[in-house]
Amino acid sequence: MIVEVFLIGLFLSLVLRNLWNVLKYEYKMLYLFPIPFLLQVLPWERILVPLSFFLLFLICYANRRLPGFNLMAIGAAMNGFAMSVNDGKMPVWQPVLEALRMDLDFKHTVFQEFSWKTLLADYIPVSFPWGRRFIISIGDILIFIGIILFFVLKPRHQSQRFQVRRES
């Protein structure tokens, strides 16, 4: 679903003529951005998947002055916490999984009853008209809102126009 959210944000950025601002941002630690996603597909997911969310949180925190990155950092921290207390896997609520007729991948595990360990789990169903279905968490929602805000808002320092006073 991250791809759809990214494309929606990019589209909105084009419509609102904000893409140039997005390209001009001064990013920090951007070179590390692919690493969290790489860590999620390597073996030892019990250790590496929560570590990937921690690294993603650090990258988002380092860019917290940019629009949306605070929400992305909070969402990444929530997802990382949910996975770290559930043996490195994101819990998915079984009734929603069955209702959407979806299968689990290696990063997820099923749960049937809510507890403190599953409050931040994937249990929110999302279905797109073109047939794609997802189960997302509260942390995912914060990340998605952060991505949209990143694309559509101008940074604070660029929203003010400074006028040069002419001396006669």
Protein backbone atom coordinates (compact mmCIF):
# COMPACT_ATOMS: atom_id res chain seq x y z
CA MET A 1 0.00 0.00 0.00
CA ILE A 2 2.99 2.28 0.47
CA VAL A 3 3.35 2.44 -3.32
CA GLU A 4 -0.24 3.69 -3.73
CA VAL A 5 0.22 6.29 -0.99
CA PHE A 6 3.50 7.44 -2.52
CA LEU A 7 1.89 7.77 -5.98
CA ILE A 8 -1.09 9.67 -4.54
CA GLY A 9 1.29 12.02 -2.74
CA LEU A 10 3.34 12.52 -5.90
CA PHE A 11 0.19 13.22 -7.91
CA LEU A 12 -1.03 15.76 -5.33
CA SER A 13 2.41 17.37 -5.32
CA LEU A 14 2.21 17.80 -9.10
CA VAL A 15 -1.35 19.17 -8.96
CA LEU A 16 -0.47 21.62 -6.16
CA ARG A 17 2.80 22.54 -7.89
CA ASN A 18 4.82 21.58 -4.85
CA LEU A 19 7.16 19.04 -6.47
CA TRP A 20 9.93 21.62 -6.82
CA ASN A 21 9.86 22.20 -3.04
CA VAL A 22 10.10 18.46 -2.43
CA LEU A 23 13.16 18.29 -4.68
CA LYS A 24 14.81 21.24 -2.90
CA TYR A 25 14.55 19.82 0.64
CA GLU A 26 17.81 19.35 2.49
CA TYR A 27 17.58 15.70 3.50
CA LYS A 28 19.65 14.07 6.22
CA MET A 29 20.83 10.45 6.13
CA LEU A 30 18.95 9.85 2.87
CA TYR A 31 21.70 7.49 1.71
CA LEU A 32 20.62 5.09 4.50
CA PHE A 33 16.99 4.98 3.32
CA PRO A 34 17.24 1.69 1.31
CA ILE A 35 18.83 -0.20 4.23
CA PRO A 36 15.66 -0.66 6.36
CA PHE A 37 13.88 -2.23 3.40
CA LEU A 38 16.84 -4.49 2.63
CA LEU A 39 16.99 -5.63 6.27
CA GLN A 40 13.34 -6.72 6.06
CA VAL A 41 14.03 -9.31 3.37
CA LEU A 42 17.16 -10.86 4.90
CA PRO A 43 17.11 -13.92 7.15
CA TRP A 44 17.09 -13.42 10.92
CA GLU A 45 13.91 -11.36 10.68
CA ARG A 46 13.38 -11.67 14.42
CA ILE A 47 16.27 -9.26 14.92
CA LEU A 48 16.57 -7.44 11.59
CA VAL A 49 12.94 -6.41 11.02
CA PRO A 50 12.65 -4.46 14.31
CA LEU A 51 16.13 -3.07 13.63
CA SER A 52 14.93 -1.92 10.20
CA PHE A 53 12.05 0.00 11.80
CA PHE A 54 14.43 1.54 14.31
CA LEU A 55 16.70 2.71 11.48
CA LEU A 56 13.68 4.05 9.59
CA PHE A 57 12.64 5.90 12.75
CA LEU A 58 16.13 7.46 13.01
CA ILE A 59 16.07 8.61 9.39
CA CYS A 60 12.62 10.14 9.85
CA TYR A 61 13.66 11.75 13.14
CA ALA A 62 16.76 13.25 11.50
CA ASN A 63 14.45 14.86 8.93
CA ARG A 64 11.81 15.91 11.46
CA ARG A 65 11.90 19.55 10.32
CA LEU A 66 10.48 18.51 6.95
CA PRO A 67 6.68 18.21 6.57
CA GLY A 68 5.27 14.82 7.56
CA PHE A 69 8.47 13.28 8.91
CA ASN A 70 7.39 13.56 12.56
CA LEU A 71 4.30 11.45 11.80
CA MET A 72 6.37 8.99 9.78
CA ALA A 73 8.81 8.65 12.71
CA ILE A 74 5.99 8.02 15.20
CA GLY A 75 4.37 5.48 12.86
CA ALA A 76 7.68 3.67 12.31
CA ALA A 77 8.29 3.58 16.06
CA MET A 78 4.80 2.16 16.67
CA ASN A 79 5.26 -0.55 14.03
CA GLY A 80 8.75 -1.35 15.30
CA PHE A 81 7.45 -1.67 18.86
CA ALA A 82 4.58 -3.93 17.76
CA MET A 83 7.02 -6.19 15.93
CA SER A 84 9.65 -6.23 18.65
CA VAL A 85 7.18 -7.46 21.30
CA ASN A 86 5.84 -10.11 18.89
CA ASP A 87 9.05 -11.99 18.07
CA GLY A 88 10.01 -9.71 15.18
CA LYS A 89 6.75 -10.15 13.27
CA MET A 90 3.77 -7.87 12.83
CA PRO A 91 0.62 -9.49 14.22
CA VAL A 92 -2.43 -9.57 11.94
CA TRP A 93 -5.93 -10.08 13.29
CA GLN A 94 -7.22 -13.41 12.00
CA PRO A 95 -10.88 -12.42 11.39
CA VAL A 96 -9.81 -9.58 9.04
CA LEU A 97 -7.24 -11.82 7.35
CA GLU A 98 -9.94 -14.42 6.68
CA ALA A 99 -12.54 -11.83 5.58
CA LEU A 100 -10.14 -10.42 2.98
CA ARG A 101 -8.98 -13.93 1.99
CA MET A 102 -5.34 -12.98 2.31
CA ASP A 103 -2.23 -14.99 3.11
CA LEU A 104 0.60 -14.06 5.44
CA ASP A 105 4.17 -13.39 4.42
CA PHE A 106 7.23 -14.10 6.56
CA LYS A 107 7.01 -10.70 8.32
CA HIS A 108 3.57 -11.34 9.81
CA THR A 109 1.95 -13.62 12.35
CA VAL A 110 -1.72 -14.23 13.19
CA PHE A 111 -3.45 -13.28 16.42
CA GLN A 112 -7.01 -14.00 17.53
CA GLU A 113 -7.43 -12.00 20.72
CA PHE A 114 -6.36 -8.47 21.50
CA SER A 115 -3.83 -7.81 24.24
CA TRP A 116 -1.31 -5.10 25.00
CA LYS A 117 1.01 -6.79 22.48
CA THR A 118 -1.50 -6.47 19.64
CA LEU A 119 -2.94 -2.97 20.11
CA LEU A 120 -0.58 -1.63 17.43
CA ALA A 121 -1.03 -4.66 15.15
CA ASP A 122 -2.50 -4.86 11.64
CA TYR A 123 -6.29 -5.05 11.98
CA ILE A 124 -7.64 -2.26 9.76
CA PRO A 125 -8.86 -3.57 6.38
CA VAL A 126 -8.28 -1.50 3.23
CA SER A 127 -9.62 -2.45 -0.21
CA PHE A 128 -9.00 -0.46 -3.36
CA PRO A 129 -11.51 -0.44 -6.24
CA TRP A 130 -8.90 -2.05 -8.51
CA GLY A 131 -8.76 -5.15 -6.30
CA ARG A 132 -5.72 -4.58 -4.09
CA ARG A 133 -6.37 -5.39 -0.42
CA PHE A 134 -4.32 -4.65 2.67
CA ILE A 135 -4.51 -4.92 6.41
CA ILE A 136 -2.83 -1.97 8.09
CA SER A 137 -2.03 -0.68 11.56
CA ILE A 138 -2.37 2.67 13.31
CA GLY A 139 1.37 3.13 12.74
CA ASP A 140 0.86 2.57 9.01
CA ILE A 141 -1.86 5.24 8.95
CA LEU A 142 0.50 7.75 10.57
CA ILE A 143 3.22 6.88 8.06
CA PHE A 144 0.78 7.30 5.16
CA ILE A 145 -0.52 10.65 6.44
CA GLY A 146 3.09 11.76 6.90
CA ILE A 147 3.92 10.82 3.31
CA ILE A 148 0.95 12.79 1.96
CA LEU A 149 1.86 15.82 4.11
CA PHE A 150 5.45 15.57 2.90
CA PHE A 151 4.32 15.90 -0.69
CA VAL A 152 1.68 18.60 -0.28
CA LEU A 153 2.99 20.97 2.41
CA LYS A 154 5.74 23.49 1.97
CA PRO A 155 8.41 23.63 4.67
CA ARG A 156 7.96 26.45 7.18
CA HIS A 157 11.11 28.25 6.13
CA GLN A 158 9.91 28.41 2.51
CA SER A 159 6.39 29.56 3.26
CA GLN A 160 7.48 33.05 4.34
CA ARG A 161 8.41 35.55 1.70
CA PHE A 162 11.12 37.99 2.54
CA GLN A 163 11.05 41.35 0.88
CA VAL A 164 14.15 43.40 0.37
CA ARG A 165 13.65 47.00 1.34
CA ARG A 166 14.79 49.51 -1.27
CA GLU A 167 16.54 52.57 -0.12
CA SER A 168 15.86 55.77 -2.01
